[in-house]
Protein backbone atom coordinates (compact mmCIF):
# COMPACT_ATOMS: atom_id res chain seq x y z
CA MET A 1 5.16 -32.72 28.83
CA GLY A 2 7.11 -30.15 30.79
CA ILE A 3 6.92 -26.35 30.44
CA PRO A 4 10.51 -26.30 28.88
CA LYS A 5 9.43 -28.68 26.15
CA VAL A 6 6.45 -26.41 25.28
CA ILE A 7 8.55 -23.29 25.18
CA ASP A 8 10.96 -25.41 22.71
CA ASN A 9 8.31 -26.44 20.74
CA VAL A 10 6.90 -22.82 20.30
CA ILE A 11 10.58 -21.47 19.66
CA VAL A 12 11.00 -23.82 16.96
CA TYR A 13 7.32 -23.40 15.44
CA PHE A 14 8.04 -19.62 15.20
CA SER A 15 11.73 -19.90 13.85
CA GLY A 16 10.68 -22.21 11.10
CA ALA A 17 7.73 -19.43 10.14
CA ILE A 18 10.27 -16.60 10.31
CA SER A 19 12.90 -18.65 8.42
CA ARG A 20 10.15 -19.08 5.57
CA ILE A 21 9.19 -15.44 5.61
CA PHE A 22 12.78 -14.29 5.02
CA ALA A 23 14.34 -17.01 2.93
CA LEU A 24 15.44 -16.81 -0.80
CA ASP A 25 12.68 -16.97 -3.27
CA ASP A 26 11.77 -20.49 -3.99
CA ASN A 27 9.02 -20.09 -6.67
CA HIS A 28 9.87 -21.88 -10.12
CA TYR A 29 7.46 -19.90 -12.17
CA PRO A 30 8.12 -19.79 -15.97
CA ASN A 31 9.56 -16.98 -17.50
CA THR A 32 6.75 -15.15 -19.56
CA GLY A 33 8.23 -11.97 -20.43
CA VAL A 34 6.55 -8.58 -20.93
CA GLN A 35 2.53 -9.06 -22.37
CA PRO A 36 1.14 -6.85 -24.64
CA TYR A 37 -1.88 -4.92 -23.23
CA SER A 38 -4.99 -5.49 -25.13
CA GLY A 39 -7.67 -3.76 -23.13
CA ASP A 40 -9.90 -0.64 -24.02
CA PRO A 41 -8.32 2.77 -24.18
CA TYR A 42 -9.39 5.34 -21.95
CA ASP A 43 -12.34 7.47 -23.47
CA GLU A 44 -13.08 10.86 -21.79
CA LYS A 45 -16.66 10.88 -23.19
CA HIS A 46 -17.52 8.23 -20.64
CA SER A 47 -16.04 9.92 -17.46
CA SER A 48 -18.19 10.74 -14.55
CA ASP A 49 -18.20 14.44 -14.37
């Protein structure tokens, strides 16, 4: 395998990675909307001061 072929493979590898990083979003998550918060409210009696 010649040096030009190795350089060509490296360029193809990195250009593929860069194109995936900067490509449009391809995630197909379901729309869930805003979820209500059901956690415990802040209680000042239990602060660490």
